[in-house]
N, C-alpha and C. Protein backbone atom coordinates (compact mmCIF):
# COMPACT_ATOMS: atom_id res chain seq x y z
N MET A 1 71.74 -40.64 86.24
CA MET A 1 71.41 -41.96 85.71
C MET A 1 72.45 -42.34 84.67
N THR A 2 72.90 -43.58 84.68
CA THR A 2 73.89 -44.02 83.73
C THR A 2 73.22 -44.64 82.52
N PRO A 3 73.91 -44.63 81.36
CA PRO A 3 73.32 -45.22 80.16
C PRO A 3 73.17 -46.72 80.32
N THR A 4 72.16 -47.30 79.67
CA THR A 4 71.99 -48.73 79.70
C THR A 4 72.81 -49.39 78.62
N THR A 5 73.49 -48.62 77.80
CA THR A 5 74.41 -49.15 76.81
C THR A 5 75.61 -48.24 76.74
N ALA A 6 76.77 -48.76 76.49
CA ALA A 6 77.96 -47.93 76.36
C ALA A 6 78.26 -47.71 74.88
N HIS A 7 78.88 -48.69 74.24
CA HIS A 7 79.12 -48.53 72.82
C HIS A 7 78.77 -49.82 72.08
N ALA A 8 77.70 -50.47 72.56
CA ALA A 8 77.23 -51.68 71.90
C ALA A 8 76.68 -51.33 70.53
N ASP A 9 76.77 -52.29 69.62
CA ASP A 9 76.25 -52.06 68.28
C ASP A 9 74.77 -51.75 68.35
N GLN A 10 74.33 -50.85 67.48
CA GLN A 10 72.91 -50.53 67.41
C GLN A 10 72.55 -50.25 65.95
N ASP A 11 71.30 -50.50 65.63
CA ASP A 11 70.85 -50.34 64.26
C ASP A 11 70.36 -48.93 63.98
N ALA A 12 70.04 -48.16 65.02
CA ALA A 12 69.55 -46.79 64.82
C ALA A 12 69.62 -46.06 66.15
N VAL A 13 69.52 -44.73 66.06
CA VAL A 13 69.52 -43.88 67.25
C VAL A 13 68.35 -42.90 67.15
N ILE A 14 67.56 -42.82 68.21
CA ILE A 14 66.47 -41.85 68.31
C ILE A 14 66.91 -40.77 69.29
N LEU A 15 66.85 -39.52 68.86
CA LEU A 15 67.37 -38.42 69.66
C LEU A 15 66.32 -37.38 69.98
N ASP A 16 66.38 -36.89 71.20
CA ASP A 16 65.64 -35.70 71.59
C ASP A 16 66.34 -34.48 71.00
N TYR A 17 65.63 -33.36 70.92
CA TYR A 17 66.27 -32.12 70.46
C TYR A 17 66.75 -31.27 71.63
N ASN A 18 65.80 -30.67 72.36
CA ASN A 18 66.18 -29.73 73.41
C ASN A 18 66.91 -30.43 74.55
N GLY A 19 68.06 -29.89 74.92
CA GLY A 19 68.85 -30.49 75.98
C GLY A 19 69.82 -31.53 75.48
N VAL A 20 69.75 -31.87 74.19
CA VAL A 20 70.71 -32.79 73.57
C VAL A 20 71.38 -32.06 72.40
N ILE A 21 70.65 -31.93 71.31
CA ILE A 21 71.17 -31.15 70.17
C ILE A 21 71.05 -29.65 70.48
N GLY A 22 69.93 -29.27 71.02
CA GLY A 22 69.67 -27.87 71.32
C GLY A 22 70.13 -27.49 72.71
N LEU A 23 70.68 -26.28 72.82
CA LEU A 23 71.12 -25.78 74.12
C LEU A 23 69.94 -25.24 74.92
N GLN A 24 70.02 -25.34 76.22
CA GLN A 24 68.99 -24.79 77.08
C GLN A 24 69.03 -23.26 77.02
N PRO A 25 67.90 -22.60 77.15
CA PRO A 25 67.88 -21.13 77.12
C PRO A 25 68.72 -20.52 78.24
N THR A 26 69.29 -19.37 77.95
CA THR A 26 70.04 -18.64 78.96
C THR A 26 69.07 -17.81 79.81
N THR A 27 69.58 -17.33 80.94
CA THR A 27 68.77 -16.45 81.78
C THR A 27 68.38 -15.19 81.02
N ASP A 28 69.30 -14.65 80.24
CA ASP A 28 69.00 -13.45 79.45
C ASP A 28 67.87 -13.70 78.47
N GLN A 29 67.82 -14.88 77.88
CA GLN A 29 66.73 -15.19 76.94
C GLN A 29 65.40 -15.30 77.67
N TRP A 30 65.42 -15.90 78.85
CA TRP A 30 64.20 -15.97 79.65
C TRP A 30 63.72 -14.56 80.02
N LEU A 31 64.65 -13.71 80.43
CA LEU A 31 64.27 -12.35 80.82
C LEU A 31 63.75 -11.55 79.63
N HIS A 32 64.31 -11.79 78.46
CA HIS A 32 63.79 -11.13 77.26
C HIS A 32 62.34 -11.55 77.01
N LEU A 33 62.06 -12.83 77.18
CA LEU A 33 60.70 -13.31 76.99
C LEU A 33 59.77 -12.71 78.04
N VAL A 34 60.25 -12.62 79.28
CA VAL A 34 59.45 -12.01 80.35
C VAL A 34 59.11 -10.57 80.01
N ARG A 35 60.10 -9.81 79.54
CA ARG A 35 59.85 -8.41 79.17
C ARG A 35 58.89 -8.31 78.00
N THR A 36 59.02 -9.22 77.04
CA THR A 36 58.12 -9.23 75.89
C THR A 36 56.68 -9.49 76.35
N ALA A 37 56.55 -10.32 77.36
CA ALA A 37 55.22 -10.65 77.90
C ALA A 37 54.66 -9.56 78.82
N LEU A 38 55.47 -8.52 79.09
CA LEU A 38 55.09 -7.46 80.03
C LEU A 38 54.83 -8.02 81.42
N TRP A 39 55.59 -9.04 81.76
CA TRP A 39 55.51 -9.68 83.06
C TRP A 39 56.56 -9.02 83.96
N PRO A 40 56.29 -8.89 85.26
CA PRO A 40 57.31 -8.30 86.15
C PRO A 40 58.63 -9.05 86.06
N ALA A 41 59.71 -8.35 85.75
CA ALA A 41 61.00 -8.99 85.54
C ALA A 41 61.55 -9.65 86.79
N ASP A 42 61.08 -9.21 87.96
CA ASP A 42 61.57 -9.79 89.21
C ASP A 42 60.75 -11.01 89.64
N ASP A 43 59.86 -11.46 88.76
CA ASP A 43 59.00 -12.61 89.09
C ASP A 43 59.16 -13.71 88.05
N LEU A 44 60.41 -13.97 87.66
CA LEU A 44 60.70 -15.00 86.66
C LEU A 44 60.18 -16.37 87.06
N PRO A 45 60.33 -16.81 88.32
CA PRO A 45 59.81 -18.14 88.67
C PRO A 45 58.32 -18.30 88.42
N ALA A 46 57.54 -17.28 88.73
CA ALA A 46 56.09 -17.37 88.49
C ALA A 46 55.80 -17.44 86.99
N PHE A 47 56.56 -16.67 86.20
CA PHE A 47 56.38 -16.73 84.75
C PHE A 47 56.72 -18.13 84.23
N GLN A 48 57.82 -18.68 84.67
CA GLN A 48 58.22 -20.00 84.19
C GLN A 48 57.21 -21.06 84.60
N HIS A 49 56.62 -20.91 85.79
CA HIS A 49 55.59 -21.86 86.21
C HIS A 49 54.40 -21.81 85.25
N ALA A 50 53.95 -20.60 84.92
CA ALA A 50 52.82 -20.46 83.99
C ALA A 50 53.21 -20.97 82.61
N PHE A 51 54.42 -20.69 82.20
CA PHE A 51 54.94 -21.11 80.89
C PHE A 51 54.91 -22.63 80.77
N TRP A 52 55.46 -23.32 81.78
CA TRP A 52 55.57 -24.77 81.70
C TRP A 52 54.25 -25.47 82.00
N ASN A 53 53.41 -24.87 82.79
CA ASN A 53 52.15 -25.51 83.15
C ASN A 53 51.27 -25.74 81.93
N ALA A 54 51.32 -24.80 80.98
CA ALA A 54 50.50 -24.91 79.78
C ALA A 54 51.26 -25.55 78.62
N ARG A 55 52.53 -25.81 78.81
CA ARG A 55 53.36 -26.25 77.68
C ARG A 55 53.01 -27.61 77.11
N PRO A 56 52.71 -28.64 77.94
CA PRO A 56 52.42 -29.94 77.34
C PRO A 56 51.29 -29.90 76.30
N ALA A 57 50.23 -29.17 76.59
CA ALA A 57 49.13 -29.09 75.62
C ALA A 57 49.55 -28.33 74.37
N TYR A 58 50.39 -27.32 74.53
CA TYR A 58 50.90 -26.55 73.38
C TYR A 58 51.81 -27.43 72.54
N ASP A 59 52.72 -28.13 73.20
CA ASP A 59 53.63 -29.02 72.46
C ASP A 59 52.88 -30.11 71.73
N ALA A 60 51.76 -30.56 72.29
CA ALA A 60 50.98 -31.64 71.69
C ALA A 60 50.04 -31.14 70.59
N GLY A 61 50.11 -29.86 70.28
CA GLY A 61 49.27 -29.32 69.22
C GLY A 61 47.83 -29.12 69.62
N GLN A 62 47.55 -29.16 70.93
CA GLN A 62 46.18 -29.00 71.40
C GLN A 62 45.81 -27.55 71.65
N LEU A 63 46.82 -26.67 71.68
CA LEU A 63 46.60 -25.23 71.84
C LEU A 63 47.26 -24.49 70.69
N SER A 64 46.56 -23.52 70.16
CA SER A 64 47.16 -22.64 69.15
C SER A 64 48.14 -21.70 69.85
N ASP A 65 48.92 -20.95 69.05
CA ASP A 65 49.81 -19.95 69.64
C ASP A 65 49.02 -18.99 70.53
N LEU A 66 47.88 -18.53 70.03
CA LEU A 66 47.06 -17.59 70.79
C LEU A 66 46.54 -18.22 72.07
N ALA A 67 46.00 -19.43 71.98
CA ALA A 67 45.44 -20.09 73.16
C ALA A 67 46.53 -20.33 74.21
N TYR A 68 47.72 -20.71 73.75
CA TYR A 68 48.80 -20.96 74.69
C TYR A 68 49.19 -19.69 75.44
N TRP A 69 49.45 -18.63 74.70
CA TRP A 69 49.92 -17.41 75.36
C TRP A 69 48.82 -16.74 76.18
N ALA A 70 47.57 -16.88 75.75
CA ALA A 70 46.48 -16.36 76.56
C ALA A 70 46.39 -17.12 77.88
N THR A 71 46.67 -18.42 77.84
CA THR A 71 46.67 -19.22 79.06
C THR A 71 47.82 -18.82 79.98
N VAL A 72 49.01 -18.63 79.41
CA VAL A 72 50.18 -18.24 80.21
C VAL A 72 49.96 -16.88 80.87
N LEU A 73 49.48 -15.92 80.08
CA LEU A 73 49.37 -14.55 80.56
C LEU A 73 48.08 -14.28 81.32
N GLY A 74 47.05 -15.07 81.02
CA GLY A 74 45.76 -14.84 81.65
C GLY A 74 44.92 -13.83 80.90
N HIS A 75 45.36 -13.44 79.69
CA HIS A 75 44.60 -12.49 78.87
C HIS A 75 45.09 -12.58 77.43
N HIS A 76 44.31 -12.07 76.51
CA HIS A 76 44.68 -12.04 75.09
C HIS A 76 45.83 -11.05 74.92
N PRO A 77 46.97 -11.49 74.31
CA PRO A 77 48.11 -10.59 74.20
C PRO A 77 48.01 -9.58 73.05
N GLY A 78 47.07 -9.76 72.14
CA GLY A 78 47.01 -8.91 70.97
C GLY A 78 47.87 -9.48 69.86
N ALA A 79 47.52 -9.19 68.62
CA ALA A 79 48.18 -9.83 67.47
C ALA A 79 49.67 -9.53 67.41
N ARG A 80 50.04 -8.26 67.61
CA ARG A 80 51.45 -7.90 67.50
C ARG A 80 52.27 -8.54 68.61
N ARG A 81 51.78 -8.46 69.84
CA ARG A 81 52.54 -9.05 70.95
C ARG A 81 52.58 -10.57 70.83
N LEU A 82 51.52 -11.14 70.30
CA LEU A 82 51.52 -12.58 70.10
C LEU A 82 52.67 -13.00 69.17
N ARG A 83 52.86 -12.28 68.08
CA ARG A 83 53.96 -12.59 67.17
C ARG A 83 55.31 -12.42 67.87
N GLU A 84 55.43 -11.37 68.66
CA GLU A 84 56.69 -11.12 69.38
C GLU A 84 56.97 -12.22 70.40
N LEU A 85 55.93 -12.67 71.10
CA LEU A 85 56.09 -13.74 72.08
C LEU A 85 56.48 -15.05 71.40
N ARG A 86 55.80 -15.37 70.32
CA ARG A 86 56.11 -16.61 69.61
C ARG A 86 57.54 -16.58 69.08
N ASP A 87 57.95 -15.45 68.52
CA ASP A 87 59.30 -15.36 67.96
C ASP A 87 60.37 -15.42 69.06
N ALA A 88 60.11 -14.76 70.19
CA ALA A 88 61.08 -14.78 71.29
C ALA A 88 61.16 -16.19 71.90
N ASP A 89 60.03 -16.83 72.02
CA ASP A 89 59.99 -18.20 72.53
C ASP A 89 60.75 -19.13 71.60
N THR A 90 60.48 -19.05 70.32
CA THR A 90 61.15 -19.91 69.35
C THR A 90 62.66 -19.70 69.36
N ALA A 91 63.08 -18.44 69.45
CA ALA A 91 64.51 -18.12 69.44
C ALA A 91 65.24 -18.75 70.62
N MET A 92 64.54 -18.96 71.73
CA MET A 92 65.17 -19.53 72.92
C MET A 92 65.62 -20.96 72.70
N TRP A 93 64.99 -21.65 71.74
CA TRP A 93 65.22 -23.09 71.60
C TRP A 93 66.00 -23.46 70.35
N THR A 94 66.56 -22.49 69.66
CA THR A 94 67.16 -22.79 68.35
C THR A 94 68.69 -22.72 68.33
N SER A 95 69.31 -22.48 69.49
CA SER A 95 70.77 -22.53 69.55
C SER A 95 71.20 -23.98 69.75
N THR A 96 72.15 -24.44 68.96
CA THR A 96 72.55 -25.84 69.00
C THR A 96 73.95 -26.00 69.57
N ASP A 97 74.21 -27.17 70.09
CA ASP A 97 75.51 -27.52 70.65
C ASP A 97 76.38 -28.07 69.52
N ASP A 98 77.34 -27.30 69.08
CA ASP A 98 78.18 -27.71 67.95
C ASP A 98 78.93 -29.00 68.23
N ARG A 99 79.25 -29.25 69.49
CA ARG A 99 79.96 -30.48 69.85
C ARG A 99 79.08 -31.71 69.59
N VAL A 100 77.80 -31.58 69.91
CA VAL A 100 76.87 -32.68 69.67
C VAL A 100 76.64 -32.87 68.18
N VAL A 101 76.48 -31.77 67.46
CA VAL A 101 76.27 -31.86 66.01
C VAL A 101 77.46 -32.56 65.35
N GLU A 102 78.66 -32.25 65.79
CA GLU A 102 79.85 -32.90 65.22
C GLU A 102 79.82 -34.41 65.46
N ILE A 103 79.41 -34.82 66.64
CA ILE A 103 79.30 -36.25 66.94
C ILE A 103 78.25 -36.91 66.04
N LEU A 104 77.14 -36.22 65.85
CA LEU A 104 76.08 -36.77 65.00
C LEU A 104 76.51 -36.82 63.54
N GLU A 105 77.31 -35.87 63.12
CA GLU A 105 77.83 -35.89 61.76
C GLU A 105 78.70 -37.13 61.53
N ARG A 106 79.49 -37.48 62.53
CA ARG A 106 80.33 -38.68 62.41
C ARG A 106 79.47 -39.93 62.38
N ALA A 107 78.45 -39.96 63.22
CA ALA A 107 77.55 -41.13 63.23
C ALA A 107 76.83 -41.26 61.90
N HIS A 108 76.37 -40.15 61.39
CA HIS A 108 75.68 -40.15 60.10
C HIS A 108 76.60 -40.64 58.99
N ALA A 109 77.84 -40.17 59.01
CA ALA A 109 78.81 -40.57 57.99
C ALA A 109 79.13 -42.06 58.06
N SER A 110 79.02 -42.62 59.26
CA SER A 110 79.29 -44.05 59.43
C SER A 110 78.12 -44.92 58.99
N GLY A 111 77.00 -44.28 58.68
CA GLY A 111 75.83 -45.02 58.21
C GLY A 111 74.79 -45.31 59.26
N THR A 112 74.96 -44.77 60.47
CA THR A 112 73.97 -44.99 61.53
C THR A 112 72.73 -44.15 61.28
N PRO A 113 71.55 -44.75 61.12
CA PRO A 113 70.33 -43.96 60.94
C PRO A 113 70.00 -43.18 62.21
N LEU A 114 69.74 -41.90 62.05
CA LEU A 114 69.40 -41.02 63.16
C LEU A 114 67.96 -40.53 62.98
N VAL A 115 67.17 -40.59 64.04
CA VAL A 115 65.77 -40.18 64.01
C VAL A 115 65.55 -39.17 65.14
N LEU A 116 64.91 -38.06 64.82
CA LEU A 116 64.61 -37.04 65.82
C LEU A 116 63.21 -37.26 66.38
N LEU A 117 63.09 -37.17 67.71
CA LEU A 117 61.79 -37.25 68.37
C LEU A 117 61.74 -36.16 69.43
N SER A 118 61.03 -35.08 69.12
CA SER A 118 61.08 -33.89 69.95
C SER A 118 59.69 -33.43 70.37
N ASN A 119 59.57 -33.04 71.64
CA ASN A 119 58.38 -32.32 72.08
C ASN A 119 58.56 -30.86 71.68
N ALA A 120 57.79 -30.41 70.71
CA ALA A 120 57.97 -29.05 70.19
C ALA A 120 56.68 -28.57 69.56
N PRO A 121 56.32 -27.30 69.79
CA PRO A 121 55.14 -26.74 69.12
C PRO A 121 55.39 -26.59 67.63
N ARG A 122 54.33 -26.38 66.89
CA ARG A 122 54.42 -26.43 65.43
C ARG A 122 55.38 -25.39 64.86
N HIS A 123 55.30 -24.14 65.31
CA HIS A 123 56.16 -23.12 64.72
C HIS A 123 57.62 -23.45 64.95
N LEU A 124 57.97 -23.92 66.14
CA LEU A 124 59.35 -24.29 66.41
C LEU A 124 59.78 -25.45 65.51
N SER A 125 58.90 -26.41 65.30
CA SER A 125 59.24 -27.54 64.45
C SER A 125 59.56 -27.09 63.03
N GLU A 126 58.83 -26.09 62.55
CA GLU A 126 59.08 -25.59 61.20
C GLU A 126 60.44 -24.91 61.11
N VAL A 127 60.83 -24.20 62.16
CA VAL A 127 62.15 -23.56 62.20
C VAL A 127 63.25 -24.60 62.28
N LEU A 128 63.08 -25.60 63.14
CA LEU A 128 64.11 -26.63 63.29
C LEU A 128 64.32 -27.41 62.00
N ASP A 129 63.26 -27.62 61.26
CA ASP A 129 63.38 -28.36 60.00
C ASP A 129 64.26 -27.64 58.98
N ARG A 130 64.48 -26.35 59.19
CA ARG A 130 65.32 -25.59 58.25
C ARG A 130 66.78 -25.51 58.69
N HIS A 131 67.10 -26.07 59.86
CA HIS A 131 68.48 -26.02 60.35
C HIS A 131 69.36 -27.02 59.61
N PRO A 132 70.63 -26.68 59.41
CA PRO A 132 71.53 -27.58 58.67
C PRO A 132 71.65 -28.98 59.26
N TRP A 133 71.61 -29.10 60.60
CA TRP A 133 71.76 -30.42 61.21
C TRP A 133 70.60 -31.35 60.90
N ARG A 134 69.48 -30.77 60.47
CA ARG A 134 68.29 -31.58 60.18
C ARG A 134 68.55 -32.60 59.08
N ARG A 135 69.49 -32.30 58.17
CA ARG A 135 69.80 -33.23 57.08
C ARG A 135 70.39 -34.53 57.59
N LEU A 136 70.90 -34.52 58.82
CA LEU A 136 71.48 -35.72 59.40
C LEU A 136 70.42 -36.74 59.80
N MET A 137 69.18 -36.29 59.92
CA MET A 137 68.09 -37.14 60.40
C MET A 137 67.36 -37.80 59.23
N SER A 138 67.21 -39.09 59.31
CA SER A 138 66.43 -39.77 58.27
C SER A 138 64.95 -39.46 58.42
N HIS A 139 64.51 -39.21 59.66
CA HIS A 139 63.13 -38.81 59.94
C HIS A 139 63.15 -37.85 61.13
N ALA A 140 62.17 -36.98 61.17
CA ALA A 140 62.01 -36.07 62.31
C ALA A 140 60.55 -36.05 62.73
N PHE A 141 60.29 -36.34 63.99
CA PHE A 141 58.93 -36.38 64.53
C PHE A 141 58.82 -35.33 65.63
N TYR A 142 57.80 -34.50 65.52
CA TYR A 142 57.56 -33.43 66.48
C TYR A 142 56.19 -33.64 67.11
N SER A 143 56.10 -33.40 68.40
CA SER A 143 54.88 -33.69 69.14
C SER A 143 53.66 -32.95 68.59
N ALA A 144 53.85 -31.69 68.18
CA ALA A 144 52.69 -30.93 67.69
C ALA A 144 52.10 -31.55 66.44
N ARG A 145 52.95 -32.17 65.63
CA ARG A 145 52.45 -32.83 64.42
C ARG A 145 51.87 -34.20 64.73
N LEU A 146 52.48 -34.88 65.71
CA LEU A 146 51.97 -36.18 66.13
C LEU A 146 50.73 -36.06 67.01
N GLN A 147 50.60 -34.88 67.66
CA GLN A 147 49.55 -34.61 68.63
C GLN A 147 49.66 -35.51 69.85
N VAL A 148 50.90 -35.82 70.19
CA VAL A 148 51.18 -36.58 71.40
C VAL A 148 52.61 -36.29 71.81
N CYS A 149 52.85 -36.18 73.12
CA CYS A 149 54.18 -35.85 73.64
C CYS A 149 54.82 -37.05 74.32
N LYS A 150 56.14 -37.11 74.29
CA LYS A 150 56.85 -37.99 75.21
C LYS A 150 56.51 -37.53 76.63
N PRO A 151 56.35 -38.44 77.57
CA PRO A 151 56.66 -39.87 77.52
C PRO A 151 55.50 -40.80 77.15
N ASP A 152 54.50 -40.30 76.44
CA ASP A 152 53.42 -41.18 75.99
C ASP A 152 54.00 -42.22 75.03
N PRO A 153 53.73 -43.51 75.23
CA PRO A 153 54.29 -44.55 74.37
C PRO A 153 53.98 -44.33 72.88
N ALA A 154 52.85 -43.71 72.57
CA ALA A 154 52.50 -43.50 71.17
C ALA A 154 53.51 -42.63 70.46
N ALA A 155 54.12 -41.69 71.17
CA ALA A 155 55.13 -40.82 70.54
C ALA A 155 56.34 -41.65 70.12
N TYR A 156 56.79 -42.52 71.00
CA TYR A 156 57.95 -43.35 70.69
C TYR A 156 57.67 -44.30 69.52
N GLN A 157 56.43 -44.76 69.45
CA GLN A 157 56.10 -45.77 68.44
C GLN A 157 56.33 -45.24 67.03
N HIS A 158 56.03 -43.96 66.80
CA HIS A 158 56.27 -43.38 65.48
C HIS A 158 57.74 -43.46 65.12
N ALA A 159 58.60 -43.10 66.06
CA ALA A 159 60.04 -43.12 65.78
C ALA A 159 60.55 -44.56 65.64
N MET A 160 60.05 -45.45 66.48
CA MET A 160 60.47 -46.84 66.41
C MET A 160 60.07 -47.47 65.07
N ASN A 161 58.88 -47.14 64.61
CA ASN A 161 58.44 -47.67 63.31
C ASN A 161 59.34 -47.18 62.19
N ALA A 162 59.82 -45.95 62.30
CA ALA A 162 60.66 -45.37 61.25
C ALA A 162 62.01 -46.06 61.17
N THR A 163 62.49 -46.62 62.28
CA THR A 163 63.80 -47.29 62.26
C THR A 163 63.72 -48.68 61.64
N SER A 164 62.54 -49.30 61.68
CA SER A 164 62.37 -50.69 61.20
C SER A 164 63.36 -51.63 61.87
N ALA A 165 63.71 -51.34 63.11
CA ALA A 165 64.71 -52.13 63.83
C ALA A 165 64.11 -52.72 65.10
N ASP A 166 64.75 -53.77 65.59
CA ASP A 166 64.38 -54.33 66.88
C ASP A 166 64.63 -53.27 67.95
N PRO A 167 63.66 -52.99 68.81
CA PRO A 167 63.85 -51.95 69.84
C PRO A 167 65.12 -52.15 70.66
N HIS A 168 65.52 -53.39 70.90
CA HIS A 168 66.70 -53.64 71.71
C HIS A 168 67.99 -53.27 71.00
N ARG A 169 67.88 -52.95 69.71
CA ARG A 169 69.06 -52.52 68.95
C ARG A 169 68.94 -51.04 68.55
N VAL A 170 68.09 -50.33 69.26
CA VAL A 170 67.92 -48.89 69.03
C VAL A 170 68.27 -48.15 70.31
N LEU A 171 69.08 -47.11 70.18
CA LEU A 171 69.45 -46.27 71.32
C LEU A 171 68.59 -45.02 71.34
N PHE A 172 68.03 -44.72 72.48
CA PHE A 172 67.23 -43.50 72.67
C PHE A 172 68.01 -42.56 73.58
N VAL A 173 68.13 -41.30 73.14
CA VAL A 173 68.91 -40.30 73.88
C VAL A 173 68.01 -39.13 74.24
N ASP A 174 67.94 -38.79 75.52
CA ASP A 174 67.08 -37.70 75.98
C ASP A 174 67.67 -37.13 77.26
N ASP A 175 67.42 -35.85 77.51
CA ASP A 175 67.93 -35.23 78.73
C ASP A 175 66.98 -35.38 79.91
N ARG A 176 65.80 -35.94 79.68
CA ARG A 176 64.83 -36.11 80.76
C ARG A 176 64.76 -37.57 81.19
N ALA A 177 64.88 -37.77 82.50
CA ALA A 177 64.87 -39.13 83.03
C ALA A 177 63.54 -39.83 82.78
N ASP A 178 62.42 -39.09 82.89
CA ASP A 178 61.12 -39.73 82.69
C ASP A 178 60.94 -40.22 81.26
N ASN A 179 61.49 -39.47 80.30
CA ASN A 179 61.41 -39.90 78.91
C ASN A 179 62.25 -41.16 78.67
N CYS A 180 63.41 -41.21 79.32
CA CYS A 180 64.26 -42.40 79.20
C CYS A 180 63.60 -43.61 79.86
N HIS A 181 62.97 -43.39 80.99
CA HIS A 181 62.28 -44.49 81.68
C HIS A 181 61.19 -45.08 80.78
N ALA A 182 60.42 -44.22 80.13
CA ALA A 182 59.36 -44.69 79.24
C ALA A 182 59.95 -45.46 78.06
N ALA A 183 61.08 -44.98 77.54
CA ALA A 183 61.72 -45.65 76.41
C ALA A 183 62.21 -47.04 76.80
N ARG A 184 62.81 -47.16 78.00
CA ARG A 184 63.27 -48.47 78.46
C ARG A 184 62.10 -49.43 78.62
N HIS A 185 60.97 -48.91 79.06
CA HIS A 185 59.78 -49.75 79.23
C HIS A 185 59.33 -50.34 77.89
N LEU A 186 59.65 -49.65 76.81
CA LEU A 186 59.28 -50.12 75.47
C LEU A 186 60.38 -50.99 74.85
N GLY A 187 61.45 -51.22 75.60
CA GLY A 187 62.50 -52.10 75.12
C GLY A 187 63.70 -51.41 74.49
N LEU A 188 63.69 -50.08 74.44
CA LEU A 188 64.79 -49.35 73.84
C LEU A 188 65.97 -49.26 74.81
N ARG A 189 67.17 -49.22 74.27
CA ARG A 189 68.32 -48.84 75.06
C ARG A 189 68.24 -47.33 75.29
N THR A 190 68.84 -46.85 76.36
CA THR A 190 68.72 -45.42 76.63
C THR A 190 70.04 -44.81 77.09
N LEU A 191 70.18 -43.55 76.80
CA LEU A 191 71.23 -42.71 77.37
C LEU A 191 70.56 -41.47 77.94
N HIS A 192 70.57 -41.36 79.26
CA HIS A 192 70.08 -40.13 79.90
C HIS A 192 71.17 -39.10 79.76
N TYR A 193 71.00 -38.20 78.82
CA TYR A 193 72.05 -37.23 78.47
C TYR A 193 72.05 -36.09 79.48
N THR A 194 73.22 -35.84 80.07
CA THR A 194 73.33 -34.81 81.10
C THR A 194 74.27 -33.69 80.68
N GLY A 195 74.40 -33.49 79.38
CA GLY A 195 75.19 -32.36 78.89
C GLY A 195 76.65 -32.66 78.64
N ARG A 196 77.03 -33.93 78.67
CA ARG A 196 78.43 -34.29 78.43
C ARG A 196 78.56 -34.97 77.07
N PRO A 197 79.07 -34.24 76.07
CA PRO A 197 79.19 -34.83 74.73
C PRO A 197 80.02 -36.11 74.69
N THR A 198 80.98 -36.25 75.62
CA THR A 198 81.79 -37.47 75.62
C THR A 198 80.93 -38.71 75.89
N ASP A 199 79.87 -38.55 76.69
CA ASP A 199 78.96 -39.68 76.94
C ASP A 199 78.25 -40.07 75.66
N LEU A 200 77.82 -39.08 74.91
CA LEU A 200 77.12 -39.36 73.66
C LEU A 200 78.07 -39.99 72.65
N ALA A 201 79.27 -39.48 72.55
CA ALA A 201 80.25 -40.03 71.62
C ALA A 201 80.54 -41.49 71.94
N ALA A 202 80.67 -41.80 73.23
CA ALA A 202 80.94 -43.16 73.64
C ALA A 202 79.78 -44.09 73.31
N ALA A 203 78.56 -43.59 73.52
CA ALA A 203 77.37 -44.41 73.25
C ALA A 203 77.18 -44.68 71.77
N LEU A 204 77.68 -43.79 70.93
CA LEU A 204 77.52 -43.96 69.48
C LEU A 204 78.72 -44.62 68.83
N GLN A 205 79.77 -44.91 69.61
CA GLN A 205 80.96 -45.53 69.07
C GLN A 205 80.71 -47.02 68.83
N PRO A 206 80.83 -47.49 67.59
CA PRO A 206 80.59 -48.91 67.34
C PRO A 206 81.59 -49.79 68.07
N SER A 207 81.15 -50.98 68.43
CA SER A 207 82.06 -51.95 69.04
C SER A 207 83.05 -52.46 68.01
N ASN A 208 84.24 -52.80 68.47
CA ASN A 208 85.26 -53.36 67.58
C ASN A 208 85.02 -54.86 67.38
């Protein structure tokens, strides 16, 4: 999908975290989580299916850490393993793309307000808030705190309200097409980010 804006002027930018600022987990990280869960290592697809099937409710703050992992595994993991699972899960999502951060640093320095809107469980949100790039964001909204996930319009509304800008002058950046579709329906400009920092740099470049 191509962006609906190239480098048109905008009053603010709303950004997703995972898949934009944050790097996708590696296979080794997934396998580490599988081993931590005591799941058969040769059955990663089944594990990922269980992981993602319960994830929307976890991201929306409707499931505790225990309830989420009990749902994924089909049994109570025990207190120690629960901590290990949560920590391994969180670690998978905290590596950032330095190329994207550099682009956002330039945008921030130019005075462009940046707002984070991420589907993330509470513990991950607390870790992300401590990352150095977080200072670039004038506001950060996480689904577990909002108790609603993208692409629900209510999630976008929190970020849009924070910009105090006309939606048509706000750029929304996300790696998921469905999230971008929902944003366009609300009047936002969108960039469906596919892992190419040059696309993001171009979209954030002010017009001459």
